[in-house]
Each structure stands twice: as structure tokens, then as C-alpha cells.
Protein backbone atom coordinates (compact mmCIF):
# COMPACT_ATOMS: atom_id res chain seq x y z
CA UNK A 1 -42.73 104.80 11.50
CA UNK A 2 -45.99 102.45 10.32
CA UNK A 3 -43.85 99.59 10.82
CA UNK A 4 -43.14 100.81 14.23
CA UNK A 5 -46.81 101.76 15.32
CA UNK A 6 -47.65 97.84 14.24
CA UNK A 7 -44.85 96.51 16.31
CA UNK A 8 -46.01 98.53 19.50
CA UNK A 9 -49.44 97.51 18.92
CA UNK A 10 -48.97 93.82 18.70
CA UNK A 11 -46.78 93.92 21.93
CA UNK A 12 -49.40 96.05 23.46
CA UNK A 13 -51.70 93.30 21.98
CA UNK A 14 -49.80 90.50 23.43
CA UNK A 15 -49.92 91.92 26.99
CA UNK A 16 -46.87 93.82 27.63
CA UNK A 17 -46.78 97.30 29.19
CA UNK A 18 -45.70 100.86 28.07
CA UNK A 19 -42.51 100.73 29.96
CA UNK A 20 -41.52 97.39 28.46
CA UNK A 21 -42.36 98.37 24.92
CA UNK A 22 -40.53 101.73 25.19
CA UNK A 23 -37.56 99.83 26.22
CA UNK A 24 -37.93 97.64 23.32
CA UNK A 25 -38.42 99.98 20.74
CA UNK A 26 -36.44 102.88 22.22
CA UNK A 27 -34.09 103.25 19.07
CA UNK A 28 -37.41 102.88 16.80
CA UNK A 29 -39.55 105.55 18.68
CA UNK A 30 -37.00 108.49 19.12
CA UNK A 31 -33.94 109.86 17.23
CA UNK A 32 -32.07 109.80 20.36
CA UNK A 33 -33.19 106.50 21.80
CA UNK A 34 -34.26 108.38 24.98
CA UNK A 35 -36.67 105.72 26.85
CA UNK A 36 -38.58 108.58 28.31
CA UNK A 37 -39.54 110.27 25.11
CA UNK A 38 -40.27 106.69 23.65
CA UNK A 39 -42.82 106.29 26.43
CA UNK A 40 -44.56 109.75 26.16
CA UNK A 41 -44.73 108.97 22.41
CA UNK A 42 -46.52 106.00 23.22
CA UNK A 43 -48.78 107.35 25.42
CA UNK A 44 -49.68 109.91 22.48
CA UNK A 45 -50.53 107.22 20.36
CA UNK A 46 -52.82 105.19 22.85
CA UNK A 47 -55.20 108.39 22.73
CA UNK A 48 -55.33 107.80 18.91
CA UNK A 49 -58.56 105.76 18.06
CA UNK A 50 -56.67 104.12 15.13
CA UNK A 51 -53.90 102.85 17.33
CA UNK A 52 -56.21 101.41 19.74
CA UNK A 53 -58.22 99.80 16.92
CA UNK A 54 -54.84 97.93 16.06
CA UNK A 55 -54.17 96.64 19.66
CA UNK A 56 -57.45 95.62 19.82
CA UNK A 57 -56.80 93.60 16.29
CA UNK A 58 -53.56 91.97 17.72
CA UNK A 59 -55.39 91.23 21.34
CA UNK A 60 -58.08 89.43 19.37
CA UNK A 61 -55.93 87.46 17.37
CA UNK A 62 -53.90 86.32 20.66
CA UNK A 63 -57.39 85.48 22.45
CA UNK A 64 -58.52 83.40 19.48
CA UNK A 65 -55.05 81.59 19.22
CA UNK A 66 -55.71 80.80 23.04
CA UNK A 67 -59.18 79.12 22.49
CA UNK A 68 -58.21 75.66 22.43
CA UNK A 69 -56.10 76.26 25.89
CA UNK A 70 -59.49 77.82 27.30
CA UNK A 71 -61.50 75.51 26.26
CA UNK A 72 -59.01 72.79 27.96
CA UNK A 73 -59.64 74.81 31.29
CA UNK A 74 -63.37 74.88 31.23
CA UNK A 75 -63.51 71.22 30.26
CA UNK A 76 -61.23 70.60 33.25
CA UNK A 77 -63.54 72.87 35.48
CA UNK A 78 -66.49 70.63 34.26
CA UNK A 79 -64.73 67.35 35.26
CA UNK A 80 -64.30 68.69 38.77
CA UNK A 81 -67.92 69.34 39.12
CA UNK A 82 -68.28 73.09 38.19
CA UNK A 83 -72.11 72.58 36.53
CA UNK A 84 -71.76 76.17 34.76
CA UNK A 85 -68.76 74.92 33.22
CA UNK A 86 -70.19 71.71 31.77
CA UNK A 87 -72.95 73.23 30.72
CA UNK A 88 -71.13 75.82 28.70
CA UNK A 89 -68.41 73.17 27.30
CA UNK A 90 -71.49 71.05 26.32
CA UNK A 91 -73.32 74.04 24.80
CA UNK A 92 -70.18 75.25 22.70
CA UNK A 93 -70.22 71.21 21.53
CA UNK A 94 -73.75 71.52 20.63
CA UNK A 95 -74.81 68.81 23.34
CA UNK A 96 -76.62 71.01 25.49
CA UNK A 97 -79.47 73.99 25.14
CA UNK A 98 -80.79 75.83 28.08
CA UNK A 99 -84.49 74.90 28.59
CA UNK A 100 -85.54 78.46 28.14
CA UNK A 101 -84.31 78.18 24.51
CA UNK A 102 -86.08 74.79 23.68
CA UNK A 103 -89.71 75.12 22.27
CA UNK A 104 -92.17 73.73 24.51
CA UNK A 105 -95.58 72.30 23.24
CA UNK A 106 -98.39 74.11 25.14
CA UNK A 107 -102.19 72.40 25.27
CA UNK A 108 -104.76 74.45 26.34
CA UNK A 109 -108.14 72.44 27.15
CA UNK A 110 -111.24 74.58 27.26
CA UNK A 111 -113.24 71.62 28.28
CA UNK A 112 -115.62 72.56 31.31
CA UNK A 113 -115.69 76.33 30.89
CA UNK A 114 -119.05 77.49 30.29
CA UNK A 115 -119.42 79.65 26.97
CA UNK A 116 -121.63 82.45 26.92
CA UNK A 117 -124.83 82.40 24.70
CA UNK A 118 -124.65 86.03 23.65
CA UNK A 119 -121.80 87.63 22.12
CA UNK A 120 -121.51 91.07 22.27
CA UNK A 121 -117.92 92.86 21.74
CA UNK A 122 -118.12 95.88 24.32
CA UNK A 123 -119.23 97.27 27.57
CA UNK A 124 -120.47 95.81 30.75
CA UNK A 125 -124.22 96.52 29.56
CA UNK A 126 -123.70 93.50 26.82
CA UNK A 127 -123.50 91.20 29.61
CA UNK A 128 -126.11 88.77 29.64
CA UNK A 129 -128.65 88.58 32.44
CA UNK A 130 -127.96 86.40 35.39
CA UNK A 131 -125.72 86.13 38.41
CA UNK A 132 -122.74 88.85 38.48
CA UNK A 133 -121.30 88.03 41.68
CA UNK A 134 -119.94 85.04 43.59
CA UNK A 135 -122.81 85.68 45.80
CA UNK A 136 -125.50 85.74 43.10
CA UNK A 137 -124.03 81.98 42.30
CA UNK A 138 -124.45 80.91 45.68
CA UNK A 139 -128.41 81.81 45.92
CA UNK A 140 -128.94 79.84 42.84
């Protein structure tokens, strides 16, 4: 029965529906060959995490094998002017990198800033005497 489960999972992974799989494997799923019973057995298996994991394994293989065709489609869209497709295709080829991912040089210039003469680390009381508001600056 394990070979039948494997075959059913492979068919699910390739995109076939429950009725299609039940018809294809009806003689292997039930002793009577009844399609309705075969569908019920498949429905029961679908509720089992182990069976769904097996389906996923086969679906990933199918997707992986379709990779070259998918890339051809992306390149075709890029050639037709889709900027997002072009960025994606070029990033896969290692020819494009989002600006947010690229390190940027930052230069901080402190020329022209007046540094306080008295350096204390806490509180307003530690402020040096002198103007404290814009109005005080204007008066001088």
C-alpha cells in the first residue's frame, strides 16, 4: 500500500485532482475497484500530515524542474519592458542589486559647529551660562 500512497502523492504533486487520481488508481486503492471508495481513501490520506509532506516533496520537484521555463518567462517579460522582471532576472544573474542592499559611504562633517567649552554629562543645570533661547541669541 506504501507504493500506492507514493504514486498518489506524486500525482497530487503534479497537479492532478482527487477524482482523477481515484480513477487512475481505483484498482489499487480498494479491493472492489469502487471509485467512490477510492476517493474516500484519498480524502482520508489528505488529512494526514505525512501524506501532505509527501505531496509537497513531489510538488517541489515539479517546480524545481520547471525553473528554466520560469526563467525564460521572466526574461521574456523583461524584454517586453517589465522593469520588475528585468530587476529580478538581473538579480538572479548577479548583475543587479537593490540600492537598499548596497553599502553607502556616509561622511559627517562637523565644521562650523560650536563645541561647548564645559562638558558635563547630566541635567539642565550643567548647561554653561549664556543664551538659552533664540531670543537670547538675537539680543547679542
